[in-house]
PDB file of all heavy atoms in Angstrom:
ATOM      1  N   ILE A   1     100.565 113.685  87.047  1.00  0.00           N
ATOM      2  CA  ILE A   1     101.686 114.616  86.958  1.00  0.00           C
ATOM      3  C   ILE A   1     102.984 113.861  86.673  1.00  0.00           C
ATOM      4  O   ILE A   1     103.839 114.305  86.032  1.00  0.00           O
ATOM      5  CB  ILE A   1     101.760 115.470  88.205  1.00  0.00           C
ATOM      6  CG1 ILE A   1     100.460 116.264  88.456  1.00  0.00           C
ATOM      7  CG2 ILE A   1     102.930 116.338  88.201  1.00  0.00           C
ATOM      8  CD1 ILE A   1     100.182 117.282  87.342  1.00  0.00           C
ATOM      9  N   ASP A   2     103.086 112.711  87.289  1.00  0.00           N
ATOM     10  CA  ASP A   2     104.333 111.926  87.192  1.00  0.00           C
ATOM     11  C   ASP A   2     103.922 110.522  86.736  1.00  0.00           C
ATOM     12  O   ASP A   2     103.343 109.754  87.463  1.00  0.00           O
ATOM     13  CB  ASP A   2     105.026 111.841  88.543  1.00  0.00           C
ATOM     14  CG  ASP A   2     106.321 111.040  88.492  1.00  0.00           C
ATOM     15  OD1 ASP A   2     106.622 110.422  87.467  1.00  0.00           O
ATOM     16  OD2 ASP A   2     107.057 111.135  89.477  1.00  0.00           O
ATOM     17  N   ALA A   3     104.138 110.252  85.443  1.00  0.00           N
ATOM     18  CA  ALA A   3     103.556 109.020  84.775  1.00  0.00           C
ATOM     19  C   ALA A   3     103.912 107.743  85.580  1.00  0.00           C
ATOM     20  O   ALA A   3     103.122 106.817  85.615  1.00  0.00           O
ATOM     21  CB  ALA A   3     104.056 108.942  83.359  1.00  0.00           C
ATOM     22  N   GLN A   4     105.140 107.654  86.139  1.00  0.00           N
ATOM     23  CA  GLN A   4     105.534 106.489  86.852  1.00  0.00           C
ATOM     24  C   GLN A   4     105.052 106.492  88.345  1.00  0.00           C
ATOM     25  O   GLN A   4     105.168 105.492  88.995  1.00  0.00           O
ATOM     26  CB  GLN A   4     107.030 106.322  86.766  1.00  0.00           C
ATOM     27  CG  GLN A   4     107.611 106.268  85.370  1.00  0.00           C
ATOM     28  CD  GLN A   4     107.034 105.111  84.564  1.00  0.00           C
ATOM     29  OE1 GLN A   4     106.882 104.046  85.146  1.00  0.00           O
ATOM     30  NE2 GLN A   4     106.763 105.404  83.334  1.00  0.00           N
ATOM     31  N   GLY A   5     104.591 107.602  88.751  1.00  0.00           N
ATOM     32  CA  GLY A   5     104.218 107.709  90.152  1.00  0.00           C
ATOM     33  C   GLY A   5     105.385 107.671  91.099  1.00  0.00           C
ATOM     34  O   GLY A   5     105.232 107.488  92.324  1.00  0.00           O
ATOM     35  N   THR A   6     106.614 107.820  90.588  1.00  0.00           N
ATOM     36  CA  THR A   6     107.788 107.591  91.447  1.00  0.00           C
ATOM     37  C   THR A   6     107.908 108.650  92.490  1.00  0.00           C
ATOM     38  O   THR A   6     108.392 108.362  93.647  1.00  0.00           O
ATOM     39  CB  THR A   6     109.037 107.612  90.540  1.00  0.00           C
ATOM     40  OG1 THR A   6     109.069 108.827  89.775  1.00  0.00           O
ATOM     41  CG2 THR A   6     109.112 106.420  89.609  1.00  0.00           C
ATOM     42  N   ARG A   7     107.558 109.877  92.218  1.00  0.00           N
ATOM     43  CA  ARG A   7     107.698 110.951  93.219  1.00  0.00           C
ATOM     44  C   ARG A   7     106.851 110.642  94.444  1.00  0.00           C
ATOM     45  O   ARG A   7     107.288 110.771  95.601  1.00  0.00           O
ATOM     46  CB  ARG A   7     107.352 112.281  92.630  1.00  0.00           C
ATOM     47  CG  ARG A   7     107.467 113.445  93.592  1.00  0.00           C
ATOM     48  CD  ARG A   7     107.159 114.781  92.914  1.00  0.00           C
ATOM     49  NE  ARG A   7     108.166 115.162  91.910  1.00  0.00           N
ATOM     50  CZ  ARG A   7     107.879 115.187  90.610  1.00  0.00           C
ATOM     51  NH1 ARG A   7     106.644 114.966  90.185  1.00  0.00           N
ATOM     52  NH2 ARG A   7     108.806 115.553  89.753  1.00  0.00           N
ATOM     53  N   PHE A   8     105.606 110.286  94.219  1.00  0.00           N
ATOM     54  CA  PHE A   8     104.683 110.055  95.422  1.00  0.00           C
ATOM     55  C   PHE A   8     104.980 108.735  96.028  1.00  0.00           C
ATOM     56  O   PHE A   8     104.857 108.598  97.250  1.00  0.00           O
ATOM     57  CB  PHE A   8     103.234 110.153  94.944  1.00  0.00           C
ATOM     58  CG  PHE A   8     102.768 111.540  94.579  1.00  0.00           C
ATOM     59  CD1 PHE A   8     102.753 111.911  93.291  1.00  0.00           C
ATOM     60  CD2 PHE A   8     102.446 112.366  95.618  1.00  0.00           C
ATOM     61  CE1 PHE A   8     102.382 113.271  92.959  1.00  0.00           C
ATOM     62  CE2 PHE A   8     102.027 113.654  95.301  1.00  0.00           C
ATOM     63  CZ  PHE A   8     102.026 114.131  93.986  1.00  0.00           C
ATOM     64  N   VAL A   9     105.426 107.785  95.266  1.00  0.00           N
ATOM     65  CA  VAL A   9     105.842 106.491  95.889  1.00  0.00           C
ATOM     66  C   VAL A   9     107.027 106.726  96.839  1.00  0.00           C
ATOM     67  O   VAL A   9     107.015 106.224  97.973  1.00  0.00           O
ATOM     68  CB  VAL A   9     106.230 105.437  94.821  1.00  0.00           C
ATOM     69  CG1 VAL A   9     106.860 104.231  95.444  1.00  0.00           C
ATOM     70  CG2 VAL A   9     104.954 105.048  94.014  1.00  0.00           C
ATOM     71  N   ARG A  10     107.981 107.473  96.383  1.00  0.00           N
ATOM     72  CA  ARG A  10     109.177 107.808  97.212  1.00  0.00           C
ATOM     73  C   ARG A  10     108.773 108.554  98.460  1.00  0.00           C
ATOM     74  O   ARG A  10     109.183 108.246  99.566  1.00  0.00           O
ATOM     75  CB  ARG A  10     110.215 108.552  96.397  1.00  0.00           C
ATOM     76  CG  ARG A  10     111.445 108.885  97.145  1.00  0.00           C
ATOM     77  CD  ARG A  10     112.504 109.509  96.202  1.00  0.00           C
ATOM     78  NE  ARG A  10     112.055 110.746  95.548  1.00  0.00           N
ATOM     79  CZ  ARG A  10     111.763 110.842  94.300  1.00  0.00           C
ATOM     80  NH1 ARG A  10     111.828 109.774  93.527  1.00  0.00           N
ATOM     81  NH2 ARG A  10     111.367 111.967  93.809  1.00  0.00           N
ATOM     82  N   LEU A  11     107.909 109.578  98.280  1.00  0.00           N
ATOM     83  CA  LEU A  11     107.490 110.367  99.394  1.00  0.00           C
ATOM     84  C   LEU A  11     106.695 109.503 100.467  1.00  0.00           C
ATOM     85  O   LEU A  11     106.858 109.626 101.613  1.00  0.00           O
ATOM     86  CB  LEU A  11     106.632 111.524  98.963  1.00  0.00           C
ATOM     87  CG  LEU A  11     107.378 112.754  98.474  1.00  0.00           C
ATOM     88  CD1 LEU A  11     106.331 113.826  98.014  1.00  0.00           C
ATOM     89  CD2 LEU A  11     108.218 113.330  99.627  1.00  0.00           C
ATOM     90  N   ALA A  12     105.778 108.692  99.928  1.00  0.00           N
ATOM     91  CA  ALA A  12     104.964 107.821 100.811  1.00  0.00           C
ATOM     92  C   ALA A  12     105.812 106.878 101.617  1.00  0.00           C
ATOM     93  O   ALA A  12     105.637 106.658 102.789  1.00  0.00           O
ATOM     94  CB  ALA A  12     103.940 107.075  99.989  1.00  0.00           C
ATOM     95  N   ARG A  13     106.780 106.298 100.969  1.00  0.00           N
ATOM     96  CA  ARG A  13     107.684 105.299 101.664  1.00  0.00           C
ATOM     97  C   ARG A  13     108.503 106.108 102.659  1.00  0.00           C
ATOM     98  O   ARG A  13     108.753 105.575 103.783  1.00  0.00           O
ATOM     99  CB  ARG A  13     108.543 104.587 100.636  1.00  0.00           C
ATOM    100  CG  ARG A  13     107.729 103.620  99.817  1.00  0.00           C
ATOM    101  CD  ARG A  13     108.553 102.932  98.770  1.00  0.00           C
ATOM    102  NE  ARG A  13     107.736 102.017  97.966  1.00  0.00           N
ATOM    103  CZ  ARG A  13     108.208 101.286  96.905  1.00  0.00           C
ATOM    104  NH1 ARG A  13     109.446 101.487  96.469  1.00  0.00           N
ATOM    105  NH2 ARG A  13     107.375 100.464  96.262  1.00  0.00           N
ATOM    106  N   TYR A  14     108.989 107.284 102.332  1.00  0.00           N
ATOM    107  CA  TYR A  14     109.747 108.064 103.259  1.00  0.00           C
ATOM    108  C   TYR A  14     108.894 108.463 104.449  1.00  0.00           C
ATOM    109  O   TYR A  14     109.278 108.402 105.604  1.00  0.00           O
ATOM    110  CB  TYR A  14     110.275 109.299 102.574  1.00  0.00           C
ATOM    111  CG  TYR A  14     111.340 110.095 103.308  1.00  0.00           C
ATOM    112  CD1 TYR A  14     112.678 109.790 103.085  1.00  0.00           C
ATOM    113  CD2 TYR A  14     111.009 111.145 104.171  1.00  0.00           C
ATOM    114  CE1 TYR A  14     113.705 110.475 103.745  1.00  0.00           C
ATOM    115  CE2 TYR A  14     112.000 111.826 104.849  1.00  0.00           C
ATOM    116  CZ  TYR A  14     113.335 111.503 104.614  1.00  0.00           C
ATOM    117  OH  TYR A  14     114.343 112.202 105.303  1.00  0.00           O
ATOM    118  N   HIS A  15     107.637 108.822 104.184  1.00  0.00           N
ATOM    119  CA  HIS A  15     106.667 109.226 105.208  1.00  0.00           C
ATOM    120  C   HIS A  15     106.439 108.023 106.164  1.00  0.00           C
ATOM    121  O   HIS A  15     106.414 108.172 107.396  1.00  0.00           O
ATOM    122  CB  HIS A  15     105.333 109.558 104.498  1.00  0.00           C
ATOM    123  CG  HIS A  15     104.399 110.288 105.434  1.00  0.00           C
ATOM    124  ND1 HIS A  15     104.306 111.665 105.510  1.00  0.00           N
ATOM    125  CD2 HIS A  15     103.473 109.789 106.283  1.00  0.00           C
ATOM    126  CE1 HIS A  15     103.333 112.034 106.337  1.00  0.00           C
ATOM    127  NE2 HIS A  15     102.820 110.906 106.824  1.00  0.00           N
ATOM    128  N   LEU A  16     106.243 106.871 105.572  1.00  0.00           N
ATOM    129  CA  LEU A  16     106.044 105.613 106.429  1.00  0.00           C
ATOM    130  C   LEU A  16     107.225 105.379 107.347  1.00  0.00           C
ATOM    131  O   LEU A  16     107.061 105.022 108.503  1.00  0.00           O
ATOM    132  CB  LEU A  16     105.840 104.414 105.489  1.00  0.00           C
ATOM    133  CG  LEU A  16     104.462 104.218 104.899  1.00  0.00           C
ATOM    134  CD1 LEU A  16     104.486 103.250 103.747  1.00  0.00           C
ATOM    135  CD2 LEU A  16     103.473 103.779 105.971  1.00  0.00           C
ATOM    136  N   ALA A  17     108.419 105.602 106.838  1.00  0.00           N
ATOM    137  CA  ALA A  17     109.625 105.287 107.589  1.00  0.00           C
ATOM    138  C   ALA A  17     109.906 106.316 108.697  1.00  0.00           C
ATOM    139  O   ALA A  17     110.128 105.942 109.840  1.00  0.00           O
ATOM    140  CB  ALA A  17     110.838 105.250 106.631  1.00  0.00           C
ATOM    141  N   ILE A  18     109.852 107.578 108.366  1.00  0.00           N
ATOM    142  CA  ILE A  18     110.240 108.594 109.352  1.00  0.00           C
ATOM    143  C   ILE A  18     109.200 108.789 110.449  1.00  0.00           C
ATOM    144  O   ILE A  18     109.543 109.087 111.629  1.00  0.00           O
ATOM    145  CB  ILE A  18     110.609 109.922 108.737  1.00  0.00           C
ATOM    146  CG1 ILE A  18     109.366 110.543 108.080  1.00  0.00           C
ATOM    147  CG2 ILE A  18     111.826 109.846 107.789  1.00  0.00           C
ATOM    148  CD1 ILE A  18     109.605 111.955 107.532  1.00  0.00           C
ATOM    149  N   TYR A  19     108.002 108.589 110.098  1.00  0.00           N
ATOM    150  CA  TYR A  19     106.878 108.775 111.108  1.00  0.00           C
ATOM    151  C   TYR A  19     106.377 107.474 111.673  1.00  0.00           C
ATOM    152  O   TYR A  19     105.541 107.452 112.617  1.00  0.00           O
ATOM    153  CB  TYR A  19     105.688 109.485 110.504  1.00  0.00           C
ATOM    154  CG  TYR A  19     105.960 110.938 110.109  1.00  0.00           C
ATOM    155  CD1 TYR A  19     105.736 111.343 108.804  1.00  0.00           C
ATOM    156  CD2 TYR A  19     106.464 111.855 110.962  1.00  0.00           C
ATOM    157  CE1 TYR A  19     105.948 112.668 108.417  1.00  0.00           C
ATOM    158  CE2 TYR A  19     106.821 113.122 110.637  1.00  0.00           C
ATOM    159  CZ  TYR A  19     106.460 113.553 109.337  1.00  0.00           C
ATOM    160  OH  TYR A  19     106.757 114.852 108.998  1.00  0.00           O
ATOM    161  N   GLU A  20     106.921 106.302 111.206  1.00  0.00           N
ATOM    162  CA  GLU A  20     106.453 105.032 111.613  1.00  0.00           C
ATOM    163  C   GLU A  20     104.929 104.955 111.502  1.00  0.00           C
ATOM    164  O   GLU A  20     104.272 104.552 112.442  1.00  0.00           O
ATOM    165  CB  GLU A  20     106.923 104.684 113.013  1.00  0.00           C
ATOM    166  CG  GLU A  20     108.473 104.635 113.190  1.00  0.00           C
ATOM    167  CD  GLU A  20     108.904 104.278 114.539  1.00  0.00           C
ATOM    168  OE1 GLU A  20     108.039 104.263 115.485  1.00  0.00           O
ATOM    169  OE2 GLU A  20     110.055 103.983 114.737  1.00  0.00           O
ATOM    170  N   ALA A  21     104.462 105.434 110.391  1.00  0.00           N
ATOM    171  CA  ALA A  21     103.037 105.606 110.140  1.00  0.00           C
ATOM    172  C   ALA A  21     102.336 104.288 109.879  1.00  0.00           C
ATOM    173  O   ALA A  21     102.919 103.288 109.407  1.00  0.00           O
ATOM    174  CB  ALA A  21     102.769 106.557 109.022  1.00  0.00           C
ATOM    175  N   ASP A  22     101.058 104.258 110.214  1.00  0.00           N
ATOM    176  CA  ASP A  22     100.243 103.118 109.884  1.00  0.00           C
ATOM    177  C   ASP A  22      99.886 103.102 108.430  1.00  0.00           C
ATOM    178  O   ASP A  22      99.292 104.060 107.916  1.00  0.00           O
ATOM    179  CB  ASP A  22      98.903 103.193 110.744  1.00  0.00           C
ATOM    180  CG  ASP A  22      97.935 102.049 110.468  1.00  0.00           C
ATOM    181  OD1 ASP A  22      98.217 101.210 109.617  1.00  0.00           O
ATOM    182  OD2 ASP A  22      96.860 102.069 111.096  1.00  0.00           O
ATOM    183  N   PRO A  23     100.220 101.991 107.657  1.00  0.00           N
ATOM    184  CA  PRO A  23      99.947 102.025 106.223  1.00  0.00           C
ATOM    185  C   PRO A  23      98.526 102.138 105.852  1.00  0.00           C
ATOM    186  O   PRO A  23      98.193 102.561 104.750  1.00  0.00           O
ATOM    187  CB  PRO A  23     100.521 100.686 105.788  1.00  0.00           C
ATOM    188  CG  PRO A  23     101.492 100.302 106.827  1.00  0.00           C
ATOM    189  CD  PRO A  23     100.890 100.830 108.118  1.00  0.00           C
ATOM    190  N   THR A  24      97.579 101.792 106.815  1.00  0.00           N
ATOM    191  CA  THR A  24      96.180 101.826 106.527  1.00  0.00           C
ATOM    192  C   THR A  24      95.535 103.122 106.824  1.00  0.00           C
ATOM    193  O   THR A  24      94.347 103.371 106.474  1.00  0.00           O
ATOM    194  CB  THR A  24      95.465 100.739 107.309  1.00  0.00           C
ATOM    195  OG1 THR A  24      95.473 101.023 108.689  1.00  0.00           O
ATOM    196  CG2 THR A  24      96.040  99.337 107.062  1.00  0.00           C
ATOM    197  N   GLN A  25      96.203 104.096 107.432  1.00  0.00           N
ATOM    198  CA  GLN A  25      95.566 105.346 107.787  1.00  0.00           C
ATOM    199  C   GLN A  25      95.363 106.207 106.590  1.00  0.00           C
ATOM    200  O   GLN A  25      96.019 106.083 105.540  1.00  0.00           O
ATOM    201  CB  GLN A  25      96.437 106.086 108.814  1.00  0.00           C
ATOM    202  CG  GLN A  25      97.701 106.745 108.283  1.00  0.00           C
ATOM    203  CD  GLN A  25      98.404 107.527 109.328  1.00  0.00           C
ATOM    204  OE1 GLN A  25      99.627 107.389 109.411  1.00  0.00           O
ATOM    205  NE2 GLN A  25      97.737 108.300 110.146  1.00  0.00           N
ATOM    206  N   ALA A  26      94.421 107.099 106.729  1.00  0.00           N
ATOM    207  CA  ALA A  26      94.064 108.015 105.626  1.00  0.00           C
ATOM    208  C   ALA A  26      95.201 108.933 105.271  1.00  0.00           C
ATOM    209  O   ALA A  26      95.911 109.482 106.161  1.00  0.00           O
ATOM    210  CB  ALA A  26      92.805 108.820 105.972  1.00  0.00           C
ATOM    211  N   ALA A  27      95.384 109.130 104.013  1.00  0.00           N
ATOM    212  CA  ALA A  27      96.501 109.994 103.523  1.00  0.00           C
ATOM    213  C   ALA A  27      96.015 110.759 102.306  1.00  0.00           C
ATOM    214  O   ALA A  27      95.087 110.323 101.574  1.00  0.00           O
ATOM    215  CB  ALA A  27      97.754 109.238 103.191  1.00  0.00           C
ATOM    216  N   VAL A  28      96.654 111.917 102.069  1.00  0.00           N
ATOM    217  CA  VAL A  28      96.438 112.640 100.796  1.00  0.00           C
ATOM    218  C   VAL A  28      97.760 112.881 100.150  1.00  0.00           C
ATOM    219  O   VAL A  28      98.794 113.043 100.825  1.00  0.00           O
ATOM    220  CB  VAL A  28      95.717 113.983 101.003  1.00  0.00           C
ATOM    221  CG1 VAL A  28      94.291 113.741 101.489  1.00  0.00           C
ATOM    222  CG2 VAL A  28      96.430 114.863 101.972  1.00  0.00           C
ATOM    223  N   ALA A  29      97.795 112.855  98.806  1.00  0.00           N
ATOM    224  CA  ALA A  29      98.919 113.185  98.024  1.00  0.00           C
ATOM    225  C   ALA A  29      98.620 114.328  97.128  1.00  0.00           C
ATOM    226  O   ALA A  29      97.594 114.224  96.320  1.00  0.00           O
ATOM    227  CB  ALA A  29      99.469 111.940  97.198  1.00  0.00           C
ATOM    228  N   ILE A  30      99.348 115.421  97.128  1.00  0.00           N
ATOM    229  CA  ILE A  30      98.971 116.608  96.485  1.00  0.00           C
ATOM    230  C   ILE A  30     100.178 117.141  95.631  1.00  0.00           C
ATOM    231  O   ILE A  30     101.317 117.119  96.099  1.00  0.00           O
ATOM    232  CB  ILE A  30      98.510 117.675  97.473  1.00  0.00           C
ATOM    233  CG1 ILE A  30      97.163 117.298  98.070  1.00  0.00           C
ATOM    234  CG2 ILE A  30      98.418 119.088  96.847  1.00  0.00           C
ATOM    235  CD1 ILE A  30      96.690 118.171  99.178  1.00  0.00           C
ATOM    236  N   TRP A  31      99.845 117.594  94.433  1.00  0.00           N
ATOM    237  CA  TRP A  31     100.849 118.222  93.608  1.00  0.00           C
ATOM    238  C   TRP A  31     100.466 119.682  93.343  1.00  0.00           C
ATOM    239  O   TRP A  31      99.310 119.959  92.921  1.00  0.00           O
ATOM    240  CB  TRP A  31     100.943 117.505  92.237  1.00  0.00           C
ATOM    241  CG  TRP A  31     101.733 118.198  91.208  1.00  0.00           C
ATOM    242  CD1 TRP A  31     101.225 118.940  90.123  1.00  0.00           C
ATOM    243  CD2 TRP A  31     103.174 118.237  91.061  1.00  0.00           C
ATOM    244  NE1 TRP A  31     102.177 119.441  89.411  1.00  0.00           N
ATOM    245  CE2 TRP A  31     103.414 119.006  89.917  1.00  0.00           C
ATOM    246  CE3 TRP A  31     104.168 117.652  91.769  1.00  0.00           C
ATOM    247  CZ2 TRP A  31     104.722 119.306  89.536  1.00  0.00           C
ATOM    248  CZ3 TRP A  31     105.491 117.958  91.352  1.00  0.00           C
ATOM    249  CH2 TRP A  31     105.728 118.764  90.231  1.00  0.00           C
ATOM    250  N   VAL A  32     101.426 120.588  93.534  1.00  0.00           N
ATOM    251  CA  VAL A  32     101.207 122.001  93.250  1.00  0.00           C
ATOM    252  C   VAL A  32     102.269 122.462  92.306  1.00  0.00           C
ATOM    253  O   VAL A  32     103.507 122.490  92.654  1.00  0.00           O
ATOM    254  CB  VAL A  32     101.255 122.854  94.553  1.00  0.00           C
ATOM    255  CG1 VAL A  32     100.962 124.296  94.212  1.00  0.00           C
ATOM    256  CG2 VAL A  32     100.228 122.359  95.558  1.00  0.00           C
ATOM    257  N   PRO A  33     101.963 122.869  91.088  1.00  0.00           N
ATOM    258  CA  PRO A  33     102.999 123.285  90.145  1.00  0.00           C
ATOM    259  C   PRO A  33     103.478 124.646  90.452  1.00  0.00           C
ATOM    260  O   PRO A  33     102.794 125.505  91.035  1.00  0.00           O
ATOM    261  CB  PRO A  33     102.203 123.261  88.834  1.00  0.00           C
ATOM    262  CG  PRO A  33     100.775 123.550  89.162  1.00  0.00           C
ATOM    263  CD  PRO A  33     100.566 122.865  90.492  1.00  0.00           C
ATOM    264  N   GLY A  34     104.736 124.927  90.032  1.00  0.00           N
ATOM    265  CA  GLY A  34     105.235 126.316  90.048  1.00  0.00           C
ATOM    266  C   GLY A  34     104.601 127.071  88.864  1.00  0.00           C
ATOM    267  O   GLY A  34     103.825 126.524  88.105  1.00  0.00           O
ATOM    268  N   ARG A  35     104.930 128.383  88.794  1.00  0.00           N
ATOM    269  CA  ARG A  35     104.299 129.164  87.715  1.00  0.00           C
ATOM    270  C   ARG A  35     105.300 130.225  87.314  1.00  0.00           C
ATOM    271  O   ARG A  35     106.199 130.616  88.067  1.00  0.00           O
ATOM    272  CB  ARG A  35     103.018 129.801  88.149  1.00  0.00           C
ATOM    273  CG  ARG A  35     103.226 130.875  89.188  1.00  0.00           C
ATOM    274  CD  ARG A  35     101.947 131.487  89.669  1.00  0.00           C
ATOM    275  NE  ARG A  35     102.160 132.561  90.630  1.00  0.00           N
ATOM    276  CZ  ARG A  35     101.276 133.050  91.454  1.00  0.00           C
ATOM    277  NH1 ARG A  35     100.088 132.584  91.452  1.00  0.00           N
ATOM    278  NH2 ARG A  35     101.627 133.965  92.304  1.00  0.00           N
ATOM    279  N   VAL A  36     105.125 130.726  86.129  1.00  0.00           N
ATOM    280  CA  VAL A  36     105.900 131.901  85.633  1.00  0.00           C
ATOM    281  C   VAL A  36     104.915 132.959  85.140  1.00  0.00           C
ATOM    282  O   VAL A  36     103.884 132.546  84.600  1.00  0.00           O
ATOM    283  CB  VAL A  36     106.867 131.520  84.537  1.00  0.00           C
ATOM    284  CG1 VAL A  36     108.036 130.671  85.055  1.00  0.00           C
ATOM    285  CG2 VAL A  36     106.221 130.819  83.368  1.00  0.00           C
ATOM    286  N   GLU A  37     105.297 134.201  85.317  1.00  0.00           N
ATOM    287  CA  GLU A  37     104.434 135.271  84.825  1.00  0.00           C
ATOM    288  C   GLU A  37     104.997 135.744  83.503  1.00  0.00           C
ATOM    289  O   GLU A  37     106.121 136.269  83.406  1.00  0.00           O
ATOM    290  CB  GLU A  37     104.400 136.452  85.829  1.00  0.00           C
ATOM    291  CG  GLU A  37     103.601 136.111  87.085  1.00  0.00           C
ATOM    292  CD  GLU A  37     103.629 137.227  88.096  1.00  0.00           C
ATOM    293  OE1 GLU A  37     104.625 137.445  88.709  1.00  0.00           O
ATOM    294  OE2 GLU A  37     102.548 137.873  88.214  1.00  0.00           O
ATOM    295  N   LEU A  38     104.278 135.472  82.425  1.00  0.00           N
ATOM    296  CA  LEU A  38     104.743 135.798  81.082  1.00  0.00           C
ATOM    297  C   LEU A  38     104.631 137.321  80.825  1.00  0.00           C
ATOM    298  O   LEU A  38     105.469 137.884  80.196  1.00  0.00           O
ATOM    299  CB  LEU A  38     103.972 135.027  80.056  1.00  0.00           C
ATOM    300  CG  LEU A  38     103.978 133.505  80.237  1.00  0.00           C
ATOM    301  CD1 LEU A  38     103.100 132.774  79.170  1.00  0.00           C
ATOM    302  CD2 LEU A  38     105.418 132.930  80.144  1.00  0.00           C
ATOM    303  N   LEU A  39     103.546 137.895  81.343  1.00  0.00           N
ATOM    304  CA  LEU A  39     103.293 139.333  81.144  1.00  0.00           C
ATOM    305  C   LEU A  39     102.678 139.901  82.429  1.00  0.00           C
ATOM    306  O   LEU A  39     101.944 139.166  83.122  1.00  0.00           O
ATOM    307  CB  LEU A  39     102.310 139.548  79.987  1.00  0.00           C
ATOM    308  CG  LEU A  39     102.745 139.211  78.570  1.00  0.00           C
ATOM    309  CD1 LEU A  39     101.603 139.405  77.615  1.00  0.00           C
ATOM    310  CD2 LEU A  39     103.924 140.162  78.149  1.00  0.00           C
TER     311      LEU A  39
END
């Protein structure tokens, strides 16, 4: 979704910092797009 991976890299680093998380623990990264109703 993000060719540079910058969005998830930023989120993961923020996650590590605010939660003082273990870098080795299991994690998931998920992208959910918005949508428009054309008709």
